[in-house]
N, C-alpha and C. Protein backbone atom coordinates (compact mmCIF):
# COMPACT_ATOMS: atom_id res chain seq x y z
N ILE A 1 -14.32 29.26 10.87
CA ILE A 1 -14.71 30.58 11.30
C ILE A 1 -14.36 30.53 12.66
N PRO A 2 -13.70 31.72 13.06
CA PRO A 2 -13.63 31.98 14.67
C PRO A 2 -14.69 32.08 15.51
N ALA A 3 -14.71 31.57 16.54
CA ALA A 3 -15.95 31.61 17.32
C ALA A 3 -15.65 31.88 18.84
N ARG A 4 -16.76 32.05 19.61
CA ARG A 4 -16.59 32.27 21.21
C ARG A 4 -17.68 31.57 21.89
N LEU A 5 -17.44 30.50 22.60
CA LEU A 5 -18.26 30.02 23.21
C LEU A 5 -18.59 30.42 24.82
N SER A 6 -19.86 30.47 25.26
CA SER A 6 -19.81 31.13 26.63
C SER A 6 -21.06 30.32 27.24
N TRP A 7 -21.05 30.05 28.67
CA TRP A 7 -22.04 29.67 29.54
C TRP A 7 -22.84 30.34 30.44
N PRO A 8 -24.00 30.09 30.89
CA PRO A 8 -24.67 30.43 31.59
C PRO A 8 -23.93 31.07 32.93
N ASN A 9 -22.97 30.44 33.48
CA ASN A 9 -22.24 30.72 34.86
C ASN A 9 -21.43 31.83 34.45
N GLY A 10 -21.00 32.21 33.22
CA GLY A 10 -20.23 33.37 32.77
C GLY A 10 -18.73 32.81 32.42
N GLY A 11 -18.62 31.62 31.84
CA GLY A 11 -17.32 30.79 31.58
C GLY A 11 -17.45 31.18 30.04
N GLU A 12 -16.15 31.44 29.56
CA GLU A 12 -16.05 31.71 28.17
C GLU A 12 -14.91 31.01 27.32
N ARG A 13 -14.73 30.82 26.43
CA ARG A 13 -13.64 30.25 25.78
C ARG A 13 -13.55 30.25 23.99
N GLU A 14 -12.46 30.61 23.65
CA GLU A 14 -12.51 30.64 21.97
C GLU A 14 -12.54 29.34 21.36
N ALA A 15 -13.25 29.35 20.35
CA ALA A 15 -13.12 28.09 19.51
C ALA A 15 -13.14 28.63 17.95
N LEU A 16 -12.87 27.32 17.12
CA LEU A 16 -12.92 27.23 15.56
C LEU A 16 -14.07 26.43 14.98
N ILE A 17 -15.02 27.00 14.24
CA ILE A 17 -16.04 26.11 13.74
C ILE A 17 -15.41 25.58 12.44
N LEU A 18 -15.37 24.35 12.54
CA LEU A 18 -14.91 23.52 11.46
C LEU A 18 -15.78 22.94 10.44
N ASP A 19 -17.08 22.54 10.98
CA ASP A 19 -18.48 22.50 10.07
C ASP A 19 -19.34 22.90 10.37
N LEU A 20 -20.37 23.80 9.70
CA LEU A 20 -21.42 24.55 9.97
C LEU A 20 -22.83 24.15 9.19
N GLY A 21 -23.88 23.97 9.89
CA GLY A 21 -24.97 23.72 9.11
C GLY A 21 -26.03 24.45 9.65
N ILE A 22 -27.40 24.21 9.21
CA ILE A 22 -28.37 25.11 9.66
C ILE A 22 -28.97 24.86 11.11
N THR A 23 -28.73 23.34 11.34
CA THR A 23 -29.20 22.85 12.75
C THR A 23 -28.07 22.77 13.73
N GLY A 24 -26.63 23.04 13.37
CA GLY A 24 -25.59 22.72 14.33
C GLY A 24 -24.43 23.07 13.93
N ALA A 25 -23.32 22.80 14.66
CA ALA A 25 -21.71 22.84 14.17
C ALA A 25 -20.79 21.86 14.98
N ARG A 26 -19.75 21.78 14.14
CA ARG A 26 -18.94 21.08 14.75
C ARG A 26 -17.73 22.06 15.07
N VAL A 27 -17.35 22.19 16.49
CA VAL A 27 -16.21 23.09 16.96
C VAL A 27 -14.91 22.38 17.38
N GLU A 28 -13.93 23.46 17.25
CA GLU A 28 -12.80 22.77 17.91
C GLU A 28 -12.27 23.61 18.90
N CYS A 29 -11.93 23.35 20.19
CA CYS A 29 -11.46 24.29 21.31
C CYS A 29 -10.63 23.59 22.37
N ALA A 30 -9.75 24.19 22.84
CA ALA A 30 -8.82 23.77 23.80
C ALA A 30 -9.65 23.86 25.22
N GLY A 31 -9.19 23.02 26.13
CA GLY A 31 -9.39 23.16 27.42
C GLY A 31 -10.31 21.71 27.78
N GLU A 32 -10.89 22.15 29.12
CA GLU A 32 -11.68 21.13 29.96
C GLU A 32 -12.97 21.03 28.93
N ALA A 33 -13.52 19.80 29.43
CA ALA A 33 -14.84 19.30 28.94
C ALA A 33 -15.87 20.57 28.73
N LEU A 34 -16.82 20.93 27.87
CA LEU A 34 -17.78 21.69 27.73
C LEU A 34 -18.88 21.63 28.52
N ALA A 35 -19.69 22.72 29.04
CA ALA A 35 -20.95 22.38 29.66
C ALA A 35 -21.91 22.25 28.66
N GLU A 36 -23.06 21.23 28.97
CA GLU A 36 -24.19 20.91 28.12
C GLU A 36 -24.70 21.82 27.31
N ASP A 37 -25.22 23.12 28.28
CA ASP A 37 -25.76 24.16 27.67
C ASP A 37 -24.90 25.24 27.38
N LEU A 38 -24.58 25.77 26.28
CA LEU A 38 -23.74 26.93 25.81
C LEU A 38 -24.56 27.95 24.95
N MET A 39 -23.71 29.01 24.83
CA MET A 39 -24.11 29.88 23.59
C MET A 39 -22.66 30.01 22.54
N ILE A 40 -22.98 30.07 21.19
CA ILE A 40 -21.83 30.32 20.24
C ILE A 40 -22.19 31.60 19.69
N HIS A 41 -21.11 32.56 19.71
CA HIS A 41 -21.05 33.66 19.04
C HIS A 41 -19.90 33.63 18.01
N PHE A 42 -20.35 34.23 16.90
CA PHE A 42 -19.49 34.13 15.48
C PHE A 42 -19.77 35.22 14.52
N GLY A 43 -18.77 35.76 13.73
CA GLY A 43 -19.12 36.78 12.86
C GLY A 43 -19.09 38.22 13.63
N PRO A 44 -19.20 39.27 12.82
CA PRO A 44 -19.30 39.30 11.49
C PRO A 44 -18.18 38.74 10.65
N VAL A 45 -18.36 38.22 9.51
CA VAL A 45 -17.61 37.93 8.55
C VAL A 45 -17.82 38.54 7.17
N GLU A 46 -16.70 39.20 6.59
CA GLU A 46 -17.03 39.91 5.26
C GLU A 46 -18.25 40.58 5.35
N GLN A 47 -19.49 40.34 4.61
CA GLN A 47 -20.86 40.89 4.69
C GLN A 47 -21.64 40.33 5.47
N LEU A 48 -21.45 39.38 6.07
CA LEU A 48 -22.12 38.29 7.13
C LEU A 48 -22.13 38.91 8.13
N PRO A 49 -23.54 38.93 8.83
CA PRO A 49 -23.69 39.49 10.31
C PRO A 49 -23.24 38.50 11.44
N GLU A 50 -23.34 38.99 12.76
CA GLU A 50 -23.06 38.12 13.83
C GLU A 50 -24.23 37.30 14.15
N VAL A 51 -23.93 36.20 14.54
CA VAL A 51 -24.79 35.23 14.90
C VAL A 51 -24.51 34.97 16.38
N ALA A 52 -25.52 34.61 17.11
CA ALA A 52 -25.46 34.42 18.56
C ALA A 52 -26.43 33.37 18.66
N ALA A 53 -26.16 32.08 19.15
CA ALA A 53 -27.33 30.87 18.83
C ALA A 53 -26.92 30.14 20.65
N ASN A 54 -28.03 29.92 20.87
CA ASN A 54 -28.14 29.02 22.28
C ASN A 54 -27.77 27.46 21.75
N ALA A 55 -27.14 26.88 22.34
CA ALA A 55 -26.75 25.37 21.91
C ALA A 55 -26.79 24.44 22.90
N LYS A 56 -26.98 23.14 22.61
CA LYS A 56 -26.57 22.01 23.37
C LYS A 56 -25.52 21.09 22.78
N LEU A 57 -24.78 20.90 24.01
CA LEU A 57 -23.38 20.16 23.33
C LEU A 57 -24.10 18.38 23.22
N ILE A 58 -23.76 17.87 21.93
CA ILE A 58 -24.33 16.56 21.92
C ILE A 58 -23.00 15.49 21.58
N SER A 59 -22.06 15.78 21.41
CA SER A 59 -20.79 14.88 21.15
C SER A 59 -19.52 15.62 21.55
N THR A 60 -18.72 14.94 21.77
CA THR A 60 -17.19 15.32 21.82
C THR A 60 -16.33 14.26 21.34
N HIS A 61 -15.24 14.61 20.92
CA HIS A 61 -14.34 13.91 19.86
C HIS A 61 -12.70 14.02 20.48
N ASP A 62 -12.12 13.45 20.89
CA ASP A 62 -10.65 13.69 21.12
C ASP A 62 -10.02 13.52 19.86
N ALA A 63 -9.57 14.54 19.02
CA ALA A 63 -8.69 14.50 17.99
C ALA A 63 -7.62 15.10 18.35
N GLU A 64 -6.76 15.73 17.40
CA GLU A 64 -5.48 16.34 17.73
C GLU A 64 -5.81 17.57 18.78
N ALA A 65 -7.18 18.32 18.66
CA ALA A 65 -7.59 19.27 19.59
C ALA A 65 -9.22 18.73 19.58
N MET A 66 -9.62 18.88 20.83
CA MET A 66 -11.10 18.53 21.18
C MET A 66 -11.75 18.85 20.24
N GLN A 67 -12.80 18.26 19.92
CA GLN A 67 -13.71 18.69 18.91
C GLN A 67 -15.18 18.22 19.24
N HIS A 68 -16.08 19.33 19.23
CA HIS A 68 -17.39 18.96 19.74
C HIS A 68 -18.55 19.25 18.86
N GLY A 69 -19.66 18.46 18.92
CA GLY A 69 -20.99 18.60 18.09
C GLY A 69 -21.84 19.54 18.85
N ILE A 70 -22.29 20.21 18.33
CA ILE A 70 -23.44 21.32 19.08
C ILE A 70 -24.61 21.28 18.10
N VAL A 71 -25.74 21.39 18.68
CA VAL A 71 -26.93 21.60 18.03
C VAL A 71 -27.37 23.01 18.59
N PHE A 72 -27.96 23.78 17.50
CA PHE A 72 -28.58 24.93 18.16
C PHE A 72 -30.00 24.81 18.12
N THR A 73 -30.49 25.58 19.54
CA THR A 73 -31.65 25.52 19.99
C THR A 73 -32.49 26.79 19.87
N SER A 74 -32.05 27.96 19.84
CA SER A 74 -32.68 29.23 19.57
C SER A 74 -31.54 30.19 19.22
N PHE A 75 -31.97 31.73 18.67
CA PHE A 75 -30.88 32.56 18.36
C PHE A 75 -31.21 33.64 19.41
N ALA A 76 -29.98 34.33 19.77
CA ALA A 76 -29.98 35.67 20.52
C ALA A 76 -30.04 36.75 19.30
N SER A 77 -29.20 36.34 18.27
CA SER A 77 -29.11 37.35 17.24
C SER A 77 -28.87 36.34 15.84
N GLY A 78 -29.37 36.97 14.76
CA GLY A 78 -29.20 36.35 13.58
C GLY A 78 -29.97 35.11 13.50
N GLY A 79 -30.15 34.23 12.61
CA GLY A 79 -31.10 33.29 12.52
C GLY A 79 -30.83 32.26 11.39
N HIS A 80 -31.90 31.38 11.27
CA HIS A 80 -31.69 30.32 10.03
C HIS A 80 -31.04 31.08 8.62
N LYS A 81 -31.70 32.04 8.13
CA LYS A 81 -31.37 32.60 6.89
C LYS A 81 -29.83 33.06 6.96
N ASP A 82 -29.25 33.63 8.40
CA ASP A 82 -27.84 33.84 8.07
C ASP A 82 -27.13 32.38 8.30
N LEU A 83 -27.69 31.51 8.90
CA LEU A 83 -26.69 30.58 8.94
C LEU A 83 -26.62 29.88 7.18
N VAL A 84 -27.83 29.89 6.56
CA VAL A 84 -27.65 29.60 5.02
C VAL A 84 -26.89 30.39 4.31
N ASP A 85 -26.46 31.76 4.55
CA ASP A 85 -25.59 32.47 3.84
C ASP A 85 -24.26 32.39 4.40
N TYR A 86 -23.98 31.77 5.78
CA TYR A 86 -22.73 31.42 6.05
C TYR A 86 -22.24 30.14 5.33
N VAL A 87 -23.16 29.13 5.36
CA VAL A 87 -22.79 28.05 4.67
C VAL A 87 -22.36 27.99 3.31
N ASN A 88 -23.36 28.99 2.46
CA ASN A 88 -22.93 29.27 1.15
C ASN A 88 -21.53 29.96 0.91
N HIS A 89 -21.14 30.92 2.06
CA HIS A 89 -20.11 31.45 1.99
C HIS A 89 -18.88 30.39 2.34
N LEU A 90 -19.13 29.49 3.04
CA LEU A 90 -17.87 28.61 3.29
C LEU A 90 -17.98 27.69 2.14
N PHE A 91 -18.89 27.33 1.44
CA PHE A 91 -18.80 26.53 0.23
C PHE A 91 -18.03 27.27 -0.94
N LYS A 92 -18.45 28.53 -0.96
CA LYS A 92 -17.87 29.07 -2.21
C LYS A 92 -16.23 29.20 -1.89
N SER A 93 -16.05 29.71 -0.67
CA SER A 93 -14.75 29.71 -0.21
C SER A 93 -13.62 28.65 -0.28
N LYS A 94 -14.29 27.55 -0.44
CA LYS A 94 -13.62 26.33 -0.30
C LYS A 94 -13.26 25.72 -1.94
N ARG A 95 -14.04 26.15 -2.86
CA ARG A 95 -13.79 26.12 -4.41
C ARG A 95 -12.64 26.43 -4.74
């Protein structure tokens, strides 16, 4: 799922959600290290709404592209029900 990461200081970066759960996500993005506090924005996708969540960086892994684990702390738009709908959508699309 295409996503956008942003920071309180105004920085912004394009990202790709590789794994999504109701408590967090694994994202891939190019560039320098991420700040610990960030916001992730994604959607709408098909019938699913836009979601914007405040998050904390919990891990970084240097693979072919930098991958980062984030945990959601609160929602600016959307919420847990929307995340469940996204997870179900991803599961169905991979079958």
